[in-house]
């Protein structure tokens, strides 16, 4: 199938807990000014025969196994660090469980649900202002790299503590 080459649709997918679906790429993508894209919202290139909504649903299902309902397009922009036009779409999952097994393990290393604030510690490129507003992150600054390291250590300690208490 013929696809757009410099245009992608990404899904800002919410579950019933208000968490956002994120994927970790197998192969990080390097953008302009040295930006590295490891974590991303699921989505991909649009086939010339499909709508944006059809594309985002197909790509999210393929990458994560989750079926979604398209709510609205949040924004459209040329990303300042990745040479790509991106349409961001607000979506909700149709079921808390994946509808099928992900079909793109060669592209997606990890699938994770995160609270909106957690996105700022995963995404290392510019977060779209429309997405920031939709997720309630306007005016919230991303963590500095050294803070991310400290946060990871705190999270590991919290997991260890939870595990010890639960025994």
Foldseek 3Di string as FASTA:
>chain_A
DAWDDFEKEFEQEQEPVQWGKKFAWPDWDAWPPRFTFGIDGWITTDHPPDDSQVRNQVRCCQAPLFGKDWDAWQDWDQFPTHRHIYIYTYIYTPDPDRNDHHNCCNTTVDMDTGQPLVVLLNGRGDDDPSVCVVNVNPPPHRDDPVVSVVVVVVVVVVVVVVVVVVD
